[in-house]
Amino acid sequence: MVYFVGAGPGAVDLITVRGKKLIEEADAIIYAGSLVNPALLSDAKKDCQIYNSAQMTLEEVIAVCKEMERQKKNTVRLHTGEPSIYGAVREQMDLLEEAGIRYESCPGVSACFGAAASLNLEYTLPEVSQSLIITRMEGRTSVPERESIEGFAAHQTSMAIYLSTGMLRELSNRLMQGGYAPDTPAALVYKATWEEEQRYLCTVESLAETAERHQIKKTALVLVGEVITHSGYARSRLYDPSFETGYRKARDV
C-alpha cells in the first residue's frame, strides 16, 4: 500500500494526526527533500527505509513502491503542503494503478493557509472577497492560456500565487495589466510556518523591489488582494442577531 501524505507547509506540528501516524507506521518513506521539513522523519521507525525524491526520477520512485509492495510493506510518499496542489501526484497514481498497487491520500495544510495564519488573514471577507484563486506563473511547467495571470487578476479577488518568486517583476506587470491597481495590497511570505519564515507587506507594484531588498529568491508565496489590509469589510450575517439559522432564532436588537 502507498500513502500520499501532505507534510504541511513546514512547521512539524502542522502535519495532520493521520499523517503523523502513517509516518510512524511506514516501512519506507519517500519524501520531497527539497521542501519537506526533515524533522518529520524523526517519527519514522528505526528500520524504516528513507528516500529523498529530490534526487530521484518518477520511475525510481515507482520502483521503490513496487519493491515495497512485493515485500508486502507500506510506503509513505511524503509531499510538501497539500499533495493535490502542485504535487505531481496524479502521474504517480496512474503508474501505481498500472502496477496493481493500491494507494490512498492523506491531506495536508497548503502554504497559502500557513501564510494566512502567519498574517492572520481571512481570504473571504464579506463585501471584499468571496473567492480565493490559487495559481502560478508558467515556468518549466506551462499554464493553460485560459488561466493567465491577467485573466485571473480581472476578478479583483484574493489570490495566492505559488512558484513565481523568480519572476516577480513580470508578475507585477501582468497583475496590473489584468486590472489590479499598482497600490493593491500584496504580501510576500518566505517559507511560511518554518522557523526562518519571513513575511513582508507591500503592494502589487513593489513585489519585486521587496524581494530584492530582503534577498528572497525562492520558496516564497505571493498573496494579493484587499483582504490583506483587514479593512472595508461587512460583518458576517452568520453571527448577526437578526439572522435566523437552524440553530438560533433571530433576536431583536
Protein backbone atom coordinates (compact mmCIF):
# COMPACT_ATOMS: atom_id res chain seq x y z
CA MET A 1 0.00 0.00 0.00
CA VAL A 2 1.19 3.52 -0.80
CA TYR A 3 0.01 6.53 1.18
CA PHE A 4 0.34 10.00 -0.30
CA VAL A 5 0.74 12.24 2.75
CA GLY A 6 0.69 16.03 2.91
CA ALA A 7 3.53 17.16 5.17
CA GLY A 8 2.11 20.66 5.62
CA PRO A 9 3.87 23.95 4.85
CA GLY A 10 6.88 23.50 7.09
CA ALA A 11 6.25 23.53 10.84
CA VAL A 12 6.50 19.95 12.13
CA ASP A 13 3.31 20.26 14.19
CA LEU A 14 1.22 21.25 11.17
CA ILE A 15 1.04 17.72 9.79
CA THR A 16 -2.30 16.01 10.42
CA VAL A 17 -2.68 13.44 13.18
CA ARG A 18 -3.40 10.85 10.47
CA GLY A 19 -0.29 11.84 8.53
CA LYS A 20 1.91 11.57 11.62
CA LYS A 21 0.53 8.11 12.36
CA LEU A 22 1.21 6.94 8.80
CA ILE A 23 4.82 8.15 9.08
CA GLU A 24 5.24 6.29 12.36
CA GLU A 25 3.96 3.05 10.81
CA ALA A 26 5.68 3.26 7.41
CA ASP A 27 8.21 0.69 6.23
CA ALA A 28 9.54 3.14 3.64
CA ILE A 29 9.23 6.92 3.24
CA ILE A 30 9.91 8.75 0.00
CA TYR A 31 9.97 12.43 0.91
CA ALA A 32 10.34 15.60 -1.14
CA GLY A 33 13.69 16.55 0.30
CA SER A 34 13.88 19.98 -1.31
CA LEU A 35 10.76 21.19 0.51
CA VAL A 36 9.62 18.85 3.31
CA ASN A 37 10.93 19.57 6.79
CA PRO A 38 13.31 16.65 7.50
CA ALA A 39 12.42 16.84 11.21
CA LEU A 40 9.22 15.00 10.32
CA LEU A 41 11.31 11.91 9.61
CA SER A 42 12.22 11.63 13.30
CA ASP A 43 8.85 9.92 13.84
CA ALA A 44 9.79 7.06 11.50
CA LYS A 45 10.62 3.59 12.75
CA LYS A 46 14.32 2.80 13.22
CA ASP A 47 14.28 0.28 10.38
CA CYS A 48 12.24 2.48 8.03
CA GLN A 49 13.89 2.97 4.62
CA ILE A 50 14.18 6.68 3.77
CA TYR A 51 14.48 8.03 0.21
CA ASN A 52 14.86 11.63 -0.93
CA SER A 53 12.76 12.11 -4.07
CA ALA A 54 14.64 15.33 -4.93
CA GLN A 55 17.40 13.02 -6.16
CA MET A 56 15.07 10.54 -7.91
CA THR A 57 13.14 10.28 -11.15
CA LEU A 58 9.47 9.31 -11.33
CA GLU A 59 10.48 5.81 -12.45
CA GLU A 60 12.84 5.42 -9.50
CA VAL A 61 10.11 6.48 -7.06
CA ILE A 62 7.71 3.92 -8.51
CA ALA A 63 10.40 1.24 -8.43
CA VAL A 64 10.73 1.68 -4.66
CA CYS A 65 6.95 1.46 -4.28
CA LYS A 66 6.89 -1.74 -6.33
CA GLU A 67 9.66 -3.33 -4.28
CA MET A 68 7.96 -2.49 -1.00
CA GLU A 69 4.69 -3.86 -2.37
CA ARG A 70 6.48 -7.07 -3.36
CA GLN A 71 7.61 -7.36 0.27
CA LYS A 72 4.03 -6.65 1.42
CA LYS A 73 5.16 -3.46 3.16
CA ASN A 74 3.74 0.05 3.28
CA THR A 75 5.22 3.16 1.69
CA VAL A 76 4.56 6.79 2.59
CA ARG A 77 5.06 9.23 -0.27
CA LEU A 78 5.58 12.43 1.74
CA HIS A 79 4.80 15.58 -0.22
CA THR A 80 5.11 19.20 0.85
CA GLY A 81 1.97 21.10 1.81
CA GLU A 82 -1.19 19.58 0.34
CA PRO A 83 -0.35 16.99 -2.35
CA SER A 84 -3.31 17.90 -4.57
CA ILE A 85 -1.82 21.36 -5.22
CA TYR A 86 1.27 21.28 -7.46
CA GLY A 87 2.17 17.88 -6.04
CA ALA A 88 2.64 15.94 -9.31
CA VAL A 89 0.77 13.07 -7.68
CA ARG A 90 -1.58 12.02 -10.48
CA GLU A 91 1.24 10.69 -12.65
CA GLN A 92 2.44 8.58 -9.72
CA MET A 93 -1.05 7.27 -9.03
CA ASP A 94 -1.55 6.28 -12.66
CA LEU A 95 1.65 4.23 -12.65
CA LEU A 96 0.68 2.59 -9.36
CA GLU A 97 -2.68 1.64 -10.87
CA GLU A 98 -0.92 0.12 -13.88
CA ALA A 99 1.17 -1.94 -11.45
CA GLY A 100 -1.89 -3.02 -9.46
CA ILE A 101 -0.72 -1.23 -6.29
CA ARG A 102 -3.34 0.28 -4.01
CA TYR A 103 -2.92 3.82 -2.71
CA GLU A 104 -4.67 6.39 -0.53
CA SER A 105 -4.30 10.14 0.05
CA CYS A 106 -3.93 11.95 3.36
CA PRO A 107 -4.47 15.72 3.04
CA GLY A 108 -2.16 18.38 4.36
CA VAL A 109 -2.06 22.12 5.08
CA SER A 110 -1.05 24.08 1.98
CA ALA A 111 1.33 27.04 2.14
CA CYS A 112 -1.40 29.57 1.36
CA PHE A 113 -3.16 28.60 4.58
CA GLY A 114 0.08 28.63 6.57
CA ALA A 115 0.75 32.11 5.19
CA ALA A 116 -2.79 33.24 6.03
CA ALA A 117 -2.28 32.08 9.62
CA SER A 118 1.03 33.97 9.85
CA LEU A 119 -0.68 37.16 8.67
CA ASN A 120 -3.99 36.50 10.48
CA LEU A 121 -5.78 36.77 7.14
CA GLU A 122 -9.31 35.87 6.15
CA TYR A 123 -9.33 35.43 2.37
CA THR A 124 -13.10 35.70 2.15
CA LEU A 125 -14.12 38.94 3.87
CA PRO A 126 -17.77 39.89 3.15
CA GLU A 127 -18.11 42.74 0.62
CA VAL A 128 -14.37 42.49 -0.17
CA SER A 129 -13.72 38.99 -1.50
CA GLN A 130 -15.61 35.71 -1.50
CA SER A 131 -13.15 33.73 -3.60
CA LEU A 132 -9.54 32.60 -3.42
CA ILE A 133 -7.64 31.97 -6.66
CA ILE A 134 -4.66 29.61 -6.32
CA THR A 135 -2.39 29.83 -9.33
CA ARG A 136 1.18 30.16 -10.58
CA MET A 137 3.26 31.74 -13.31
CA GLU A 138 4.34 29.49 -16.14
CA GLY A 139 7.91 28.26 -15.86
CA ARG A 140 9.22 24.88 -16.92
CA THR A 141 5.65 23.70 -16.34
CA SER A 142 3.28 25.50 -18.69
CA VAL A 143 -0.02 27.09 -17.67
CA PRO A 144 -3.10 26.85 -19.92
CA GLU A 145 -3.68 30.12 -21.79
CA ARG A 146 -7.20 30.38 -20.35
CA GLU A 147 -5.62 30.54 -16.86
CA SER A 148 -3.47 33.61 -17.45
CA ILE A 149 -2.48 35.88 -14.57
CA GLU A 150 -4.17 38.76 -16.39
CA GLY A 151 -7.41 36.81 -16.69
CA PHE A 152 -7.47 35.93 -13.01
CA ALA A 153 -6.48 39.46 -11.99
CA ALA A 154 -9.61 40.77 -13.72
CA HIS A 155 -11.69 39.22 -10.93
CA GLN A 156 -10.11 41.56 -8.33
CA THR A 157 -10.39 38.89 -5.65
CA SER A 158 -7.91 37.23 -3.28
CA MET A 159 -5.03 35.44 -4.97
CA ALA A 160 -2.32 33.08 -3.74
CA ILE A 161 0.44 32.74 -6.32
CA TYR A 162 2.86 29.84 -5.98
CA LEU A 163 6.19 29.04 -7.64
CA SER A 164 6.71 32.53 -9.04
CA THR A 165 9.29 34.23 -6.80
CA GLY A 166 11.90 34.36 -9.56
CA MET A 167 9.52 36.22 -11.89
CA LEU A 168 8.10 38.93 -9.64
CA ARG A 169 8.68 41.88 -11.93
CA GLU A 170 6.80 40.16 -14.74
CA LEU A 171 4.16 39.00 -12.28
CA SER A 172 3.56 42.56 -11.06
CA ASN A 173 3.22 43.85 -14.61
CA ARG A 174 0.77 41.15 -15.56
CA LEU A 175 -1.31 41.63 -12.42
CA MET A 176 -1.60 45.34 -13.21
CA GLN A 177 -2.35 44.65 -16.87
CA GLY A 178 -5.18 42.40 -15.68
CA GLY A 179 -6.77 45.10 -13.59
CA TYR A 180 -5.15 45.36 -10.17
CA ALA A 181 -4.17 48.92 -9.27
CA PRO A 182 -0.43 49.40 -8.57
CA ASP A 183 -1.17 50.13 -4.89
CA THR A 184 -3.28 46.97 -4.38
CA PRO A 185 -2.12 45.33 -1.12
CA ALA A 186 0.18 42.34 -1.50
CA ALA A 187 2.34 40.18 0.73
CA LEU A 188 5.44 38.10 0.24
CA VAL A 189 5.77 35.17 2.65
CA TYR A 190 9.04 33.25 2.60
CA LYS A 191 8.96 29.67 3.97
CA ALA A 192 5.58 30.06 5.66
CA THR A 193 5.44 28.48 9.16
CA TRP A 194 9.15 27.48 9.18
CA GLU A 195 11.37 28.88 11.93
CA GLU A 196 13.09 31.04 9.31
CA GLU A 197 9.82 32.42 7.97
CA GLN A 198 9.86 36.00 6.70
CA ARG A 199 6.77 37.98 5.76
CA TYR A 200 6.55 41.40 4.17
CA LEU A 201 3.55 43.57 3.34
CA CYS A 202 3.89 45.56 0.14
CA THR A 203 1.89 46.41 -2.98
CA VAL A 204 1.45 44.71 -6.33
CA GLU A 205 3.81 47.27 -7.86
CA SER A 206 6.54 46.80 -5.23
CA LEU A 207 6.68 42.99 -5.09
CA ALA A 208 9.98 42.67 -6.97
CA GLU A 209 11.58 45.54 -5.06
CA THR A 210 10.53 43.99 -1.74
CA ALA A 211 12.02 40.61 -2.69
CA GLU A 212 15.27 42.20 -3.84
CA ARG A 213 15.60 44.30 -0.68
CA HIS A 214 15.26 41.20 1.52
CA GLN A 215 17.17 38.86 -0.84
CA ILE A 216 14.25 36.49 -1.33
CA LYS A 217 14.77 34.46 -4.49
CA LYS A 218 12.70 31.29 -3.99
CA THR A 219 10.40 29.35 -1.66
CA ALA A 220 8.05 32.30 -1.18
CA LEU A 221 4.34 32.70 -1.71
CA VAL A 222 2.75 35.84 -3.16
CA LEU A 223 -0.60 36.97 -1.80
CA VAL A 224 -2.65 39.69 -3.48
CA GLY A 225 -5.91 41.40 -2.58
CA GLU A 226 -7.68 43.98 -0.47
CA VAL A 227 -8.23 41.39 2.30
CA ILE A 228 -4.59 41.86 3.31
CA THR A 229 -5.45 45.20 4.97
CA HIS A 230 -8.19 43.62 7.17
CA SER A 231 -10.44 46.59 6.39
CA GLY A 232 -13.52 47.70 4.47
CA TYR A 233 -15.48 44.53 5.09
CA ALA A 234 -19.06 43.96 6.21
CA ARG A 235 -19.97 42.00 9.29
CA SER A 236 -20.85 38.37 8.56
CA ARG A 237 -24.55 37.56 8.52
CA LEU A 238 -23.79 34.23 10.17
CA TYR A 239 -23.48 35.74 13.64
CA ASP A 240 -25.81 38.70 13.15
CA PRO A 241 -28.50 38.59 15.89
CA SER A 242 -31.20 39.40 13.31
CA PHE A 243 -30.19 36.41 11.16
CA GLU A 244 -32.06 33.18 11.87
CA THR A 245 -30.42 29.78 11.38
CA GLY A 246 -31.36 26.17 12.04
CA TYR A 247 -29.65 26.51 15.40
CA ARG A 248 -30.63 30.01 16.54
CA LYS A 249 -33.73 32.17 16.39
CA ALA A 250 -33.48 35.77 15.21
CA ARG A 251 -33.35 38.34 18.01
CA ASP A 252 -34.48 41.92 18.17
CA VAL A 253 -31.66 44.39 18.61
